[in-house]
N, C-alpha and C. Protein backbone atom coordinates (compact mmCIF):
# COMPACT_ATOMS: atom_id res chain seq x y z
N MET A 1 -26.20 49.54 -73.83
CA MET A 1 -25.72 50.43 -72.82
C MET A 1 -25.42 51.82 -73.37
N PRO A 2 -26.20 52.31 -74.31
CA PRO A 2 -25.91 53.64 -74.84
C PRO A 2 -25.91 54.72 -73.77
N ALA A 3 -26.74 54.58 -72.75
CA ALA A 3 -26.80 55.60 -71.70
C ALA A 3 -25.51 55.67 -70.90
N GLN A 4 -24.75 54.59 -70.89
CA GLN A 4 -23.51 54.54 -70.11
C GLN A 4 -22.27 54.77 -70.97
N GLN A 5 -22.44 55.02 -72.27
CA GLN A 5 -21.31 55.12 -73.18
C GLN A 5 -20.33 56.22 -72.77
N ALA A 6 -20.81 57.35 -72.30
CA ALA A 6 -19.92 58.44 -71.91
C ALA A 6 -19.02 58.04 -70.75
N VAL A 7 -19.58 57.35 -69.78
CA VAL A 7 -18.79 56.88 -68.63
C VAL A 7 -17.77 55.84 -69.08
N ILE A 8 -18.20 54.92 -69.95
CA ILE A 8 -17.29 53.88 -70.45
C ILE A 8 -16.14 54.52 -71.21
N ASP A 9 -16.45 55.48 -72.09
CA ASP A 9 -15.40 56.16 -72.86
C ASP A 9 -14.42 56.91 -71.96
N ALA A 10 -14.93 57.57 -70.93
CA ALA A 10 -14.06 58.32 -70.01
C ALA A 10 -13.13 57.36 -69.25
N ASP A 11 -13.68 56.25 -68.78
CA ASP A 11 -12.85 55.27 -68.08
C ASP A 11 -11.80 54.67 -69.01
N TYR A 12 -12.18 54.39 -70.25
CA TYR A 12 -11.26 53.82 -71.24
C TYR A 12 -10.10 54.78 -71.49
N GLN A 13 -10.43 56.04 -71.71
CA GLN A 13 -9.39 57.04 -71.96
C GLN A 13 -8.48 57.23 -70.74
N ALA A 14 -9.06 57.17 -69.55
CA ALA A 14 -8.24 57.31 -68.33
C ALA A 14 -7.27 56.15 -68.20
N LEU A 15 -7.73 54.95 -68.51
CA LEU A 15 -6.84 53.78 -68.45
C LEU A 15 -5.76 53.85 -69.51
N LEU A 16 -6.15 54.23 -70.73
CA LEU A 16 -5.15 54.35 -71.79
C LEU A 16 -4.13 55.43 -71.47
N GLY A 17 -4.52 56.47 -70.77
CA GLY A 17 -3.61 57.53 -70.40
C GLY A 17 -2.51 57.07 -69.45
N SER A 18 -2.77 55.99 -68.73
CA SER A 18 -1.76 55.48 -67.79
C SER A 18 -0.75 54.56 -68.48
N VAL A 19 -0.97 54.22 -69.75
CA VAL A 19 -0.04 53.37 -70.50
C VAL A 19 0.82 54.27 -71.38
N PRO A 20 2.15 54.08 -71.32
CA PRO A 20 3.03 54.93 -72.12
C PRO A 20 2.78 54.76 -73.62
N ASP A 21 2.83 55.88 -74.36
CA ASP A 21 2.67 55.83 -75.81
C ASP A 21 3.81 55.04 -76.43
N GLY A 22 3.51 54.37 -77.54
CA GLY A 22 4.53 53.62 -78.25
C GLY A 22 3.89 52.50 -79.07
N PRO A 23 4.74 51.73 -79.74
CA PRO A 23 4.23 50.68 -80.60
C PRO A 23 3.48 49.58 -79.82
N ALA A 24 3.87 49.32 -78.61
CA ALA A 24 3.19 48.29 -77.82
C ALA A 24 1.76 48.72 -77.49
N LYS A 25 1.59 49.98 -77.13
CA LYS A 25 0.26 50.51 -76.83
C LYS A 25 -0.61 50.47 -78.08
N THR A 26 -0.06 50.92 -79.21
CA THR A 26 -0.80 50.94 -80.47
C THR A 26 -1.22 49.53 -80.87
N ALA A 27 -0.29 48.58 -80.77
CA ALA A 27 -0.60 47.19 -81.12
C ALA A 27 -1.63 46.60 -80.16
N GLY A 28 -1.53 46.95 -78.90
CA GLY A 28 -2.48 46.45 -77.91
C GLY A 28 -3.89 46.97 -78.15
N ILE A 29 -4.00 48.24 -78.52
CA ILE A 29 -5.31 48.82 -78.84
C ILE A 29 -5.90 48.14 -80.07
N ALA A 30 -5.06 47.94 -81.10
CA ALA A 30 -5.54 47.29 -82.33
C ALA A 30 -6.00 45.86 -82.05
N LEU A 31 -5.23 45.11 -81.26
CA LEU A 31 -5.61 43.74 -80.92
C LEU A 31 -6.90 43.71 -80.12
N GLY A 32 -7.04 44.63 -79.18
CA GLY A 32 -8.26 44.69 -78.39
C GLY A 32 -9.48 45.00 -79.23
N GLU A 33 -9.34 45.92 -80.18
CA GLU A 33 -10.45 46.27 -81.06
C GLU A 33 -10.81 45.11 -81.97
N GLN A 34 -9.81 44.39 -82.50
CA GLN A 34 -10.06 43.22 -83.34
C GLN A 34 -10.78 42.14 -82.54
N THR A 35 -10.33 41.91 -81.32
CA THR A 35 -10.94 40.89 -80.47
C THR A 35 -12.38 41.25 -80.14
N ALA A 36 -12.62 42.49 -79.78
CA ALA A 36 -13.98 42.93 -79.46
C ALA A 36 -14.90 42.77 -80.66
N THR A 37 -14.41 43.14 -81.85
CA THR A 37 -15.22 43.00 -83.07
C THR A 37 -15.54 41.54 -83.34
N ALA A 38 -14.58 40.64 -83.13
CA ALA A 38 -14.81 39.22 -83.36
C ALA A 38 -15.83 38.66 -82.35
N ILE A 39 -15.75 39.08 -81.11
CA ILE A 39 -16.69 38.60 -80.09
C ILE A 39 -18.10 39.09 -80.39
N VAL A 40 -18.23 40.36 -80.77
CA VAL A 40 -19.55 40.89 -81.11
C VAL A 40 -20.12 40.13 -82.31
N ALA A 41 -19.28 39.83 -83.30
CA ALA A 41 -19.74 39.09 -84.48
C ALA A 41 -20.20 37.68 -84.10
N MET A 42 -19.52 37.04 -83.17
CA MET A 42 -19.92 35.69 -82.74
C MET A 42 -21.25 35.71 -82.01
N CYS A 43 -21.56 36.80 -81.37
CA CYS A 43 -22.76 36.87 -80.53
C CYS A 43 -23.97 37.45 -81.25
N VAL A 44 -23.85 37.76 -82.53
CA VAL A 44 -24.94 38.41 -83.25
C VAL A 44 -26.24 37.61 -83.17
N ASP A 45 -26.18 36.31 -83.37
CA ASP A 45 -27.39 35.49 -83.41
C ASP A 45 -27.54 34.58 -82.20
N ASP A 46 -27.02 34.98 -81.05
CA ASP A 46 -27.08 34.09 -79.89
C ASP A 46 -28.41 34.17 -79.13
N GLY A 47 -29.31 35.07 -79.54
CA GLY A 47 -30.62 35.16 -78.92
C GLY A 47 -30.68 35.99 -77.66
N MET A 48 -29.59 36.60 -77.27
CA MET A 48 -29.55 37.37 -76.03
C MET A 48 -30.52 38.55 -76.06
N VAL A 49 -30.68 39.15 -77.22
CA VAL A 49 -31.56 40.31 -77.31
C VAL A 49 -32.92 39.95 -77.90
N ALA A 50 -33.21 38.66 -78.02
CA ALA A 50 -34.52 38.23 -78.54
C ALA A 50 -35.61 38.63 -77.56
N PRO A 51 -36.76 39.01 -78.07
CA PRO A 51 -37.85 39.41 -77.16
C PRO A 51 -38.35 38.23 -76.33
N ASP A 52 -38.76 38.52 -75.14
CA ASP A 52 -39.32 37.50 -74.26
C ASP A 52 -40.78 37.31 -74.63
N VAL A 53 -41.10 36.18 -75.22
CA VAL A 53 -42.47 35.95 -75.70
C VAL A 53 -43.26 35.02 -74.79
N TYR A 54 -42.65 34.46 -73.77
CA TYR A 54 -43.38 33.57 -72.88
C TYR A 54 -44.30 34.38 -71.97
N ARG A 55 -45.54 34.07 -72.01
CA ARG A 55 -46.53 34.69 -71.13
C ARG A 55 -47.44 33.59 -70.61
N PRO A 56 -47.34 33.25 -69.35
CA PRO A 56 -48.20 32.19 -68.83
C PRO A 56 -49.66 32.64 -68.82
N HIS A 57 -50.53 31.69 -69.06
CA HIS A 57 -51.97 31.98 -69.00
C HIS A 57 -52.38 31.90 -67.54
N ALA A 58 -52.33 33.02 -66.89
CA ALA A 58 -52.60 33.04 -65.45
C ALA A 58 -53.36 34.30 -65.09
N ALA A 59 -53.88 34.25 -63.91
CA ALA A 59 -54.56 35.40 -63.34
C ALA A 59 -54.14 35.45 -61.87
N PRO A 60 -54.33 36.57 -61.21
CA PRO A 60 -53.96 36.63 -59.80
C PRO A 60 -54.60 35.48 -59.02
N GLY A 61 -53.77 34.78 -58.28
CA GLY A 61 -54.25 33.67 -57.45
C GLY A 61 -54.33 32.34 -58.18
N VAL A 62 -54.00 32.29 -59.47
CA VAL A 62 -54.06 31.05 -60.24
C VAL A 62 -52.64 30.51 -60.36
N TYR A 63 -52.46 29.26 -59.97
CA TYR A 63 -51.15 28.63 -60.01
C TYR A 63 -50.81 28.21 -61.44
N VAL A 64 -49.59 28.52 -61.88
CA VAL A 64 -49.09 28.06 -63.16
C VAL A 64 -48.00 27.04 -62.86
N PRO A 65 -48.25 25.75 -63.17
CA PRO A 65 -47.26 24.73 -62.81
C PRO A 65 -45.96 24.92 -63.57
N THR A 66 -44.89 24.61 -62.90
CA THR A 66 -43.57 24.67 -63.50
C THR A 66 -43.25 23.29 -64.05
N VAL A 67 -42.94 23.22 -65.32
CA VAL A 67 -42.62 21.95 -65.95
C VAL A 67 -41.11 21.84 -66.02
N THR A 68 -40.58 20.79 -65.46
CA THR A 68 -39.15 20.56 -65.54
C THR A 68 -38.90 19.58 -66.68
N PRO A 69 -37.90 19.86 -67.50
CA PRO A 69 -37.64 18.97 -68.63
C PRO A 69 -37.20 17.59 -68.16
N ARG A 70 -37.57 16.59 -68.93
CA ARG A 70 -37.16 15.22 -68.59
C ARG A 70 -35.69 15.05 -68.92
N ARG A 71 -35.07 14.17 -68.18
CA ARG A 71 -33.68 13.84 -68.46
C ARG A 71 -33.61 13.09 -69.78
N PRO A 72 -32.60 13.34 -70.58
CA PRO A 72 -32.48 12.61 -71.85
C PRO A 72 -32.22 11.13 -71.59
N ARG A 73 -32.71 10.33 -72.45
CA ARG A 73 -32.51 8.88 -72.36
C ARG A 73 -31.46 8.45 -73.37
N SER A 74 -30.85 7.35 -73.10
CA SER A 74 -29.88 6.80 -74.04
C SER A 74 -30.63 6.05 -75.12
N SER A 75 -29.91 5.53 -76.09
CA SER A 75 -30.54 4.78 -77.17
C SER A 75 -31.16 3.48 -76.66
N THR A 76 -30.74 3.03 -75.49
CA THR A 76 -31.31 1.81 -74.92
C THR A 76 -32.52 2.12 -74.05
N GLY A 77 -32.83 3.38 -73.85
CA GLY A 77 -33.97 3.77 -73.03
C GLY A 77 -33.65 3.91 -71.56
N ARG A 78 -32.41 3.66 -71.17
CA ARG A 78 -32.02 3.79 -69.76
C ARG A 78 -31.57 5.21 -69.49
N SER A 79 -31.89 5.69 -68.33
CA SER A 79 -31.45 7.00 -67.91
C SER A 79 -29.94 6.98 -67.68
N PRO A 80 -29.19 8.03 -68.11
CA PRO A 80 -27.74 8.05 -67.87
C PRO A 80 -27.38 7.86 -66.41
N ALA A 81 -28.24 8.31 -65.48
CA ALA A 81 -27.93 8.15 -64.06
C ALA A 81 -28.00 6.69 -63.64
N ARG A 82 -28.65 5.84 -64.43
CA ARG A 82 -28.78 4.43 -64.06
C ARG A 82 -27.89 3.51 -64.87
N TRP A 83 -27.04 4.08 -65.70
CA TRP A 83 -26.13 3.23 -66.45
C TRP A 83 -25.19 2.55 -65.47
N PRO A 84 -24.81 1.34 -65.76
CA PRO A 84 -23.89 0.65 -64.84
C PRO A 84 -22.54 1.35 -64.83
N PRO A 85 -21.86 1.30 -63.70
CA PRO A 85 -20.54 1.95 -63.63
C PRO A 85 -19.56 1.30 -64.58
N CYS A 86 -18.68 2.08 -65.09
CA CYS A 86 -17.66 1.60 -66.01
C CYS A 86 -16.43 1.19 -65.20
N PRO A 87 -15.82 0.04 -65.50
CA PRO A 87 -14.61 -0.35 -64.77
C PRO A 87 -13.54 0.72 -64.89
N GLY A 88 -12.97 1.10 -63.79
CA GLY A 88 -11.92 2.10 -63.76
C GLY A 88 -12.43 3.53 -63.72
N ALA A 89 -13.74 3.72 -63.67
CA ALA A 89 -14.29 5.08 -63.63
C ALA A 89 -13.96 5.71 -62.29
N THR A 90 -13.64 6.99 -62.32
CA THR A 90 -13.29 7.68 -61.08
C THR A 90 -14.50 8.29 -60.39
N SER A 91 -15.62 8.41 -61.11
CA SER A 91 -16.84 8.92 -60.50
C SER A 91 -18.03 8.35 -61.27
N PRO A 92 -19.21 8.38 -60.68
CA PRO A 92 -20.37 7.83 -61.37
C PRO A 92 -20.75 8.59 -62.64
N THR A 93 -20.25 9.81 -62.80
CA THR A 93 -20.61 10.58 -63.99
C THR A 93 -19.55 10.52 -65.08
N THR A 94 -18.50 9.77 -64.86
CA THR A 94 -17.45 9.66 -65.86
C THR A 94 -18.02 9.04 -67.12
N ARG A 95 -17.75 9.65 -68.25
CA ARG A 95 -18.30 9.16 -69.53
C ARG A 95 -17.22 8.50 -70.39
N ALA A 96 -16.06 8.23 -69.85
CA ALA A 96 -14.97 7.68 -70.62
C ALA A 96 -15.05 6.15 -70.67
N CYS A 97 -16.15 5.62 -71.15
CA CYS A 97 -16.31 4.18 -71.21
C CYS A 97 -16.82 3.82 -72.60
N SER A 98 -16.22 2.82 -73.22
CA SER A 98 -16.58 2.46 -74.59
C SER A 98 -17.99 1.88 -74.68
N ARG A 99 -18.53 1.36 -73.58
CA ARG A 99 -19.85 0.74 -73.69
C ARG A 99 -20.98 1.76 -73.51
N TRP A 100 -20.66 2.98 -73.11
CA TRP A 100 -21.70 4.01 -72.99
C TRP A 100 -21.86 4.71 -74.31
N PRO A 101 -23.09 4.87 -74.80
CA PRO A 101 -23.27 5.55 -76.08
C PRO A 101 -22.94 7.04 -75.98
N ARG A 102 -22.49 7.58 -77.05
CA ARG A 102 -22.15 9.01 -77.09
C ARG A 102 -23.17 9.74 -77.90
């Protein structure tokens, strides 16, 4: 968002101007900067800015089928949706049962 940096900076300064100067403001700014730096560091390799390399082999008027991923199977080969209900389960998707594999 480099093109929007000037607007972001102006809004930031306007908001900070409404907070009284003092140790609480200084500590709050420092904490916010530390938090932002930590979040940016966590997101460095998350793939958000990775280039989009998927290109379907298609031409105008040619259908490209959409493949939906299969549901994962358990170690017994049964679909999780077909596992027997667990006694005391509050819903069919409850996973709090010792007999269901994790």
